């Protein structure tokens, strides 16, 4: 099945999508960490989500920088 999301065309949509990604990544980090140490976990606390969101934000920022660099490299004239 192919899923094609609606394109993001405004800064507001991009900001909302980034916040959704941060929440998704943060929850994934918490679940993965809990499973790795053998802990039983339910809904993460606000404190845990805040800490995990900071880590997720760092990863997402690095990914965004990589995408910008990749776009610039691909736009540069000459052999790739």
Protein backbone atom coordinates (compact mmCIF):
# COMPACT_ATOMS: atom_id res chain seq x y z
CA UNK A 1 0.00 0.00 0.00
CA UNK A 2 1.32 3.43 -0.90
CA UNK A 3 0.43 6.33 1.35
CA UNK A 4 1.09 9.80 0.05
CA UNK A 5 0.64 12.52 2.67
CA UNK A 6 -0.71 15.91 1.80
CA UNK A 7 2.18 18.24 0.99
CA UNK A 8 3.27 20.71 3.63
CA UNK A 9 2.86 24.14 2.12
CA UNK A 10 2.97 26.55 5.07
CA UNK A 11 5.32 27.25 7.95
CA UNK A 12 2.48 26.52 10.38
CA UNK A 13 1.96 23.06 8.89
CA UNK A 14 5.70 22.40 9.06
CA UNK A 15 5.84 23.46 12.71
CA UNK A 16 2.87 21.26 13.62
CA UNK A 17 4.38 18.29 11.78
CA UNK A 18 7.71 18.81 13.55
CA UNK A 19 5.96 18.81 16.93
CA UNK A 20 4.13 15.60 15.98
CA UNK A 21 7.42 14.00 14.97
CA UNK A 22 9.10 15.07 18.21
CA UNK A 23 6.27 13.54 20.25
CA UNK A 24 6.39 10.33 18.20
CA UNK A 25 10.19 10.04 18.49
CA UNK A 26 10.16 10.86 22.21
CA UNK A 27 7.58 8.16 22.95
CA UNK A 28 9.57 5.70 20.85
CA UNK A 29 12.76 6.51 22.75
CA UNK A 30 11.00 5.97 26.08
CA UNK A 31 9.48 2.65 25.00
CA UNK A 32 12.74 1.40 23.49
CA UNK A 33 14.74 2.35 26.57
CA UNK A 34 12.22 0.75 28.92
CA UNK A 35 12.20 -2.47 26.91
CA UNK A 36 16.01 -2.54 26.72
CA UNK A 37 16.33 -2.46 30.50
CA UNK A 38 13.45 -4.89 30.99
CA UNK A 39 11.17 -2.36 32.64
CA UNK A 40 7.42 -2.54 32.42
CA UNK A 41 6.06 0.76 31.22
CA UNK A 42 2.74 2.41 30.66
CA UNK A 43 2.01 5.98 29.70
CA UNK A 44 5.23 8.01 30.08
CA UNK A 45 5.35 10.82 32.62
CA UNK A 46 5.54 14.45 31.54
CA UNK A 47 9.09 14.59 32.90
CA UNK A 48 10.15 11.58 30.84
CA UNK A 49 8.51 13.03 27.72
CA UNK A 50 10.23 16.38 28.25
CA UNK A 51 13.65 14.73 28.53
CA UNK A 52 13.02 12.44 25.57
CA UNK A 53 11.75 15.35 23.45
CA UNK A 54 15.05 17.17 24.05
CA UNK A 55 16.96 14.15 22.72
CA UNK A 56 14.54 13.76 19.81
CA UNK A 57 14.90 17.47 19.01
CA UNK A 58 18.68 17.10 18.75
CA UNK A 59 18.33 14.16 16.37
CA UNK A 60 15.69 15.91 14.29
CA UNK A 61 17.78 19.10 14.08
CA UNK A 62 20.78 17.09 12.85
CA UNK A 63 18.57 15.38 10.25
CA UNK A 64 17.22 18.74 9.07
CA UNK A 65 20.78 20.07 8.69
CA UNK A 66 21.71 16.98 6.70
CA UNK A 67 18.69 17.45 4.40
CA UNK A 68 19.60 21.10 3.77
CA UNK A 69 23.20 20.12 2.96
CA UNK A 70 22.04 17.31 0.70
CA UNK A 71 19.69 19.67 -1.15
CA UNK A 72 22.46 22.22 -1.61
CA UNK A 73 24.90 19.55 -2.82
CA UNK A 74 22.34 18.22 -5.30
CA UNK A 75 21.61 21.74 -6.58
CA UNK A 76 25.30 22.52 -7.12
CA UNK A 77 26.46 22.42 -10.72
CA UNK A 78 28.91 19.80 -11.85
CA UNK A 79 29.33 16.10 -11.25
CA UNK A 80 27.77 14.71 -8.12
